[in-house]
Amino acid sequence: MGLQTLLNTLSAYPRWLVILAGCLVGALALWIISKLIKWALWLTIITLLAGGLIFAGWTLFH
């Protein structure tokens, strides 16, 4: 689907509705990205803590 086809399709709707839908989609995308970054940060922190504890236990007993 080309850009011209998309613009022709969107021109059938009121301009304010297209802008509102675009803002909502953008806000949803930012929210999803922020949640993914949050989960990645927690996963990194937990992995580092677990790795550090395992390494500390290994060096303690060897």
PDB file of N, CA and C in Angstrom:
ATOM      1  N   MET A   1       0.851  -1.169   0.000  1.00  0.00           N
ATOM      2  CA  MET A   1       0.000   0.000   0.000  1.00  0.00           C
ATOM      3  C   MET A   1       0.892   1.225   0.000  1.00  0.00           C
ATOM      4  N   GLY A   2       0.740   2.057  -0.989  1.00  0.00           N
ATOM      5  CA  GLY A   2       1.582   3.226  -1.117  1.00  0.00           C
ATOM      6  C   GLY A   2       1.104   4.386  -0.261  1.00  0.00           C
ATOM      7  N   LEU A   3       1.928   5.399  -0.202  1.00  0.00           N
ATOM      8  CA  LEU A   3       1.605   6.585   0.597  1.00  0.00           C
ATOM      9  C   LEU A   3       0.397   7.306   0.026  1.00  0.00           C
ATOM     10  N   GLN A   4       0.315   7.404  -1.281  1.00  0.00           N
ATOM     11  CA  GLN A   4      -0.815   8.095  -1.915  1.00  0.00           C
ATOM     12  C   GLN A   4      -2.132   7.370  -1.607  1.00  0.00           C
ATOM     13  N   THR A   5      -2.119   6.053  -1.612  1.00  0.00           N
ATOM     14  CA  THR A   5      -3.313   5.276  -1.289  1.00  0.00           C
ATOM     15  C   THR A   5      -3.716   5.496   0.158  1.00  0.00           C
ATOM     16  N   LEU A   6      -2.719   5.536   1.046  1.00  0.00           N
ATOM     17  CA  LEU A   6      -3.000   5.778   2.459  1.00  0.00           C
ATOM     18  C   LEU A   6      -3.595   7.161   2.666  1.00  0.00           C
ATOM     19  N   LEU A   7      -3.040   8.159   1.998  1.00  0.00           N
ATOM     20  CA  LEU A   7      -3.562   9.512   2.139  1.00  0.00           C
ATOM     21  C   LEU A   7      -4.976   9.627   1.587  1.00  0.00           C
ATOM     22  N   ASN A   8      -5.249   8.951   0.485  1.00  0.00           N
ATOM     23  CA  ASN A   8      -6.606   8.968  -0.067  1.00  0.00           C
ATOM     24  C   ASN A   8      -7.591   8.288   0.875  1.00  0.00           C
ATOM     25  N   THR A   9      -7.160   7.219   1.525  1.00  0.00           N
ATOM     26  CA  THR A   9      -8.026   6.511   2.466  1.00  0.00           C
ATOM     27  C   THR A   9      -8.303   7.375   3.692  1.00  0.00           C
ATOM     28  N   LEU A  10      -7.266   8.042   4.205  1.00  0.00           N
ATOM     29  CA  LEU A  10      -7.436   8.867   5.400  1.00  0.00           C
ATOM     30  C   LEU A  10      -8.190  10.156   5.114  1.00  0.00           C
ATOM     31  N   SER A  11      -8.204  10.603   3.879  1.00  0.00           N
ATOM     32  CA  SER A  11      -8.891  11.860   3.553  1.00  0.00           C
ATOM     33  C   SER A  11     -10.401  11.729   3.681  1.00  0.00           C
ATOM     34  N   ALA A  12     -10.904  10.507   3.761  1.00  0.00           N
ATOM     35  CA  ALA A  12     -12.336  10.304   3.928  1.00  0.00           C
ATOM     36  C   ALA A  12     -12.788  10.591   5.362  1.00  0.00           C
ATOM     37  N   TYR A  13     -11.862  10.627   6.298  1.00  0.00           N
ATOM     38  CA  TYR A  13     -12.179  10.863   7.700  1.00  0.00           C
ATOM     39  C   TYR A  13     -11.926  12.330   8.047  1.00  0.00           C
ATOM     40  N   PRO A  14     -12.585  12.832   9.103  1.00  0.00           N
ATOM     41  CA  PRO A  14     -12.295  14.211   9.539  1.00  0.00           C
ATOM     42  C   PRO A  14     -10.838  14.329  10.005  1.00  0.00           C
ATOM     43  N   ARG A  15     -10.266  15.499   9.746  1.00  0.00           N
ATOM     44  CA  ARG A  15      -8.853  15.721  10.075  1.00  0.00           C
ATOM     45  C   ARG A  15      -8.579  15.521  11.565  1.00  0.00           C
ATOM     46  N   TRP A  16      -9.495  16.004  12.426  1.00  0.00           N
ATOM     47  CA  TRP A  16      -9.283  15.890  13.865  1.00  0.00           C
ATOM     48  C   TRP A  16      -9.280  14.433  14.305  1.00  0.00           C
ATOM     49  N   LEU A  17     -10.070  13.592  13.634  1.00  0.00           N
ATOM     50  CA  LEU A  17     -10.115  12.174  13.995  1.00  0.00           C
ATOM     51  C   LEU A  17      -8.818  11.463  13.615  1.00  0.00           C
ATOM     52  N   VAL A  18      -8.251  11.828  12.469  1.00  0.00           N
ATOM     53  CA  VAL A  18      -6.977  11.241  12.042  1.00  0.00           C
ATOM     54  C   VAL A  18      -5.866  11.652  12.999  1.00  0.00           C
ATOM     55  N   ILE A  19      -5.860  12.933  13.409  1.00  0.00           N
ATOM     56  CA  ILE A  19      -4.836  13.418  14.349  1.00  0.00           C
ATOM     57  C   ILE A  19      -5.002  12.748  15.709  1.00  0.00           C
ATOM     58  N   LEU A  20      -6.250  12.627  16.175  1.00  0.00           N
ATOM     59  CA  LEU A  20      -6.507  11.977  17.463  1.00  0.00           C
ATOM     60  C   LEU A  20      -6.070  10.513  17.441  1.00  0.00           C
ATOM     61  N   ALA A  21      -6.402   9.807  16.365  1.00  0.00           N
ATOM     62  CA  ALA A  21      -6.006   8.398  16.257  1.00  0.00           C
ATOM     63  C   ALA A  21      -4.486   8.266  16.205  1.00  0.00           C
ATOM     64  N   GLY A  22      -3.824   9.167  15.486  1.00  0.00           N
ATOM     65  CA  GLY A  22      -2.359   9.139  15.423  1.00  0.00           C
ATOM     66  C   GLY A  22      -1.725   9.387  16.783  1.00  0.00           C
ATOM     67  N   CYS A  23      -2.291  10.328  17.538  1.00  0.00           N
ATOM     68  CA  CYS A  23      -1.775  10.602  18.886  1.00  0.00           C
ATOM     69  C   CYS A  23      -1.975   9.411  19.813  1.00  0.00           C
ATOM     70  N   LEU A  24      -3.129   8.774  19.714  1.00  0.00           N
ATOM     71  CA  LEU A  24      -3.388   7.601  20.562  1.00  0.00           C
ATOM     72  C   LEU A  24      -2.463   6.442  20.218  1.00  0.00           C
ATOM     73  N   VAL A  25      -2.242   6.215  18.936  1.00  0.00           N
ATOM     74  CA  VAL A  25      -1.325   5.151  18.519  1.00  0.00           C
ATOM     75  C   VAL A  25       0.095   5.461  18.975  1.00  0.00           C
ATOM     76  N   GLY A  26       0.513   6.728  18.855  1.00  0.00           N
ATOM     77  CA  GLY A  26       1.849   7.119  19.311  1.00  0.00           C
ATOM     78  C   GLY A  26       2.012   6.955  20.813  1.00  0.00           C
ATOM     79  N   ALA A  27       0.985   7.354  21.578  1.00  0.00           N
ATOM     80  CA  ALA A  27       1.039   7.205  23.035  1.00  0.00           C
ATOM     81  C   ALA A  27       1.096   5.734  23.433  1.00  0.00           C
ATOM     82  N   LEU A  28       0.328   4.900  22.757  1.00  0.00           N
ATOM     83  CA  LEU A  28       0.350   3.461  23.036  1.00  0.00           C
ATOM     84  C   LEU A  28       1.710   2.862  22.718  1.00  0.00           C
ATOM     85  N   ALA A  29       2.299   3.286  21.617  1.00  0.00           N
ATOM     86  CA  ALA A  29       3.627   2.778  21.242  1.00  0.00           C
ATOM     87  C   ALA A  29       4.669   3.188  22.284  1.00  0.00           C
ATOM     88  N   LEU A  30       4.623   4.439  22.740  1.00  0.00           N
ATOM     89  CA  LEU A  30       5.571   4.878  23.778  1.00  0.00           C
ATOM     90  C   LEU A  30       5.367   4.119  25.079  1.00  0.00           C
ATOM     91  N   TRP A  31       4.115   3.841  25.441  1.00  0.00           N
ATOM     92  CA  TRP A  31       3.832   3.103  26.663  1.00  0.00           C
ATOM     93  C   TRP A  31       4.391   1.691  26.573  1.00  0.00           C
ATOM     94  N   ILE A  32       4.189   1.027  25.433  1.00  0.00           N
ATOM     95  CA  ILE A  32       4.703  -0.339  25.253  1.00  0.00           C
ATOM     96  C   ILE A  32       6.224  -0.341  25.294  1.00  0.00           C
ATOM     97  N   ILE A  33       6.860   0.622  24.642  1.00  0.00           N
ATOM     98  CA  ILE A  33       8.324   0.696  24.650  1.00  0.00           C
ATOM     99  C   ILE A  33       8.848   0.921  26.062  1.00  0.00           C
ATOM    100  N   SER A  34       8.173   1.799  26.828  1.00  0.00           N
ATOM    101  CA  SER A  34       8.631   2.044  28.202  1.00  0.00           C
ATOM    102  C   SER A  34       8.485   0.800  29.072  1.00  0.00           C
ATOM    103  N   LYS A  35       7.416   0.026  28.866  1.00  0.00           N
ATOM    104  CA  LYS A  35       7.253  -1.218  29.629  1.00  0.00           C
ATOM    105  C   LYS A  35       8.333  -2.241  29.265  1.00  0.00           C
ATOM    106  N   LEU A  36       8.656  -2.335  27.979  1.00  0.00           N
ATOM    107  CA  LEU A  36       9.707  -3.274  27.555  1.00  0.00           C
ATOM    108  C   LEU A  36      11.061  -2.873  28.127  1.00  0.00           C
ATOM    109  N   ILE A  37      11.346  -1.576  28.152  1.00  0.00           N
ATOM    110  CA  ILE A  37      12.614  -1.116  28.730  1.00  0.00           C
ATOM    111  C   ILE A  37      12.649  -1.402  30.231  1.00  0.00           C
ATOM    112  N   LYS A  38      11.523  -1.211  30.901  1.00  0.00           N
ATOM    113  CA  LYS A  38      11.456  -1.489  32.344  1.00  0.00           C
ATOM    114  C   LYS A  38      11.730  -2.964  32.622  1.00  0.00           C
ATOM    115  N   TRP A  39      11.105  -3.863  31.847  1.00  0.00           N
ATOM    116  CA  TRP A  39      11.327  -5.293  32.043  1.00  0.00           C
ATOM    117  C   TRP A  39      12.760  -5.686  31.722  1.00  0.00           C
ATOM    118  N   ALA A  40      13.342  -5.070  30.708  1.00  0.00           N
ATOM    119  CA  ALA A  40      14.731  -5.367  30.366  1.00  0.00           C
ATOM    120  C   ALA A  40      15.671  -4.916  31.478  1.00  0.00           C
ATOM    121  N   LEU A  41      15.378  -3.770  32.083  1.00  0.00           N
ATOM    122  CA  LEU A  41      16.207  -3.284  33.188  1.00  0.00           C
ATOM    123  C   LEU A  41      16.110  -4.212  34.395  1.00  0.00           C
ATOM    124  N   TRP A  42      14.908  -4.630  34.751  1.00  0.00           N
ATOM    125  CA  TRP A  42      14.754  -5.553  35.880  1.00  0.00           C
ATOM    126  C   TRP A  42      15.428  -6.892  35.612  1.00  0.00           C
ATOM    127  N   LEU A  43      15.313  -7.373  34.393  1.00  0.00           N
ATOM    128  CA  LEU A  43      15.968  -8.634  34.043  1.00  0.00           C
ATOM    129  C   LEU A  43      17.485  -8.511  34.164  1.00  0.00           C
ATOM    130  N   THR A  44      18.024  -7.385  33.744  1.00  0.00           N
ATOM    131  CA  THR A  44      19.468  -7.152  33.865  1.00  0.00           C
ATOM    132  C   THR A  44      19.890  -7.093  35.326  1.00  0.00           C
ATOM    133  N   ILE A  45      19.145  -6.373  36.142  1.00  0.00           N
ATOM    134  CA  ILE A  45      19.478  -6.255  37.570  1.00  0.00           C
ATOM    135  C   ILE A  45      19.425  -7.621  38.256  1.00  0.00           C
ATOM    136  N   ILE A  46      18.369  -8.382  38.000  1.00  0.00           N
ATOM    137  CA  ILE A  46      18.236  -9.698  38.631  1.00  0.00           C
ATOM    138  C   ILE A  46      19.338 -10.641  38.163  1.00  0.00           C
ATOM    139  N   THR A  47      19.676 -10.594  36.883  1.00  0.00           N
ATOM    140  CA  THR A  47      20.738 -11.440  36.355  1.00  0.00           C
ATOM    141  C   THR A  47      22.086 -11.097  36.985  1.00  0.00           C
ATOM    142  N   LEU A  48      22.372  -9.810  37.108  1.00  0.00           N
ATOM    143  CA  LEU A  48      23.640  -9.402  37.721  1.00  0.00           C
ATOM    144  C   LEU A  48      23.706  -9.793  39.192  1.00  0.00           C
ATOM    145  N   LEU A  49      22.605  -9.615  39.912  1.00  0.00           N
ATOM    146  CA  LEU A  49      22.595 -10.004  41.322  1.00  0.00           C
ATOM    147  C   LEU A  49      22.756 -11.513  41.489  1.00  0.00           C
ATOM    148  N   ALA A  50      22.041 -12.280  40.689  1.00  0.00           N
ATOM    149  CA  ALA A  50      22.142 -13.736  40.781  1.00  0.00           C
ATOM    150  C   ALA A  50      23.545 -14.196  40.393  1.00  0.00           C
ATOM    151  N   GLY A  51      24.088 -13.632  39.325  1.00  0.00           N
ATOM    152  CA  GLY A  51      25.451 -13.997  38.921  1.00  0.00           C
ATOM    153  C   GLY A  51      26.480 -13.635  39.972  1.00  0.00           C
ATOM    154  N   GLY A  52      26.311 -12.471  40.587  1.00  0.00           N
ATOM    155  CA  GLY A  52      27.237 -12.064  41.648  1.00  0.00           C
ATOM    156  C   GLY A  52      27.158 -12.967  42.863  1.00  0.00           C
ATOM    157  N   LEU A  53      25.947 -13.347  43.242  1.00  0.00           N
ATOM    158  CA  LEU A  53      25.793 -14.249  44.388  1.00  0.00           C
ATOM    159  C   LEU A  53      26.348 -15.634  44.097  1.00  0.00           C
ATOM    160  N   ILE A  54      26.112 -16.129  42.898  1.00  0.00           N
ATOM    161  CA  ILE A  54      26.654 -17.440  42.528  1.00  0.00           C
ATOM    162  C   ILE A  54      28.178 -17.395  42.506  1.00  0.00           C
ATOM    163  N   PHE A  55      28.753 -16.332  41.941  1.00  0.00           N
ATOM    164  CA  PHE A  55      30.207 -16.213  41.890  1.00  0.00           C
ATOM    165  C   PHE A  55      30.799 -16.061  43.290  1.00  0.00           C
ATOM    166  N   ALA A  56      30.129 -15.295  44.148  1.00  0.00           N
ATOM    167  CA  ALA A  56      30.612 -15.133  45.519  1.00  0.00           C
ATOM    168  C   ALA A  56      30.561 -16.456  46.265  1.00  0.00           C
ATOM    169  N   GLY A  57      29.488 -17.226  46.085  1.00  0.00           N
ATOM    170  CA  GLY A  57      29.397 -18.538  46.729  1.00  0.00           C
ATOM    171  C   GLY A  57      30.432 -19.503  46.193  1.00  0.00           C
ATOM    172  N   TRP A  58      30.685 -19.443  44.899  1.00  0.00           N
ATOM    173  CA  TRP A  58      31.687 -20.331  44.308  1.00  0.00           C
ATOM    174  C   TRP A  58      33.079 -20.004  44.825  1.00  0.00           C
ATOM    175  N   THR A  59      33.425 -18.720  44.909  1.00  0.00           N
ATOM    176  CA  THR A  59      34.761 -18.343  45.412  1.00  0.00           C
ATOM    177  C   THR A  59      34.878 -18.606  46.916  1.00  0.00           C
ATOM    178  N   LEU A  60      33.771 -18.568  47.634  1.00  0.00           N
ATOM    179  CA  LEU A  60      33.819 -18.829  49.071  1.00  0.00           C
ATOM    180  C   LEU A  60      34.140 -20.291  49.362  1.00  0.00           C
ATOM    181  N   PHE A  61      33.605 -21.201  48.552  1.00  0.00           N
ATOM    182  CA  PHE A  61      33.769 -22.624  48.817  1.00  0.00           C
ATOM    183  C   PHE A  61      34.914 -23.268  48.040  1.00  0.00           C
ATOM    184  N   HIS A  62      35.634 -22.498  47.224  1.00  0.00           N
ATOM    185  CA  HIS A  62      36.783 -23.084  46.504  1.00  0.00           C
ATOM    186  C   HIS A  62      38.049 -22.417  46.930  1.00  0.00           C
TER     187      HIS A  62
END
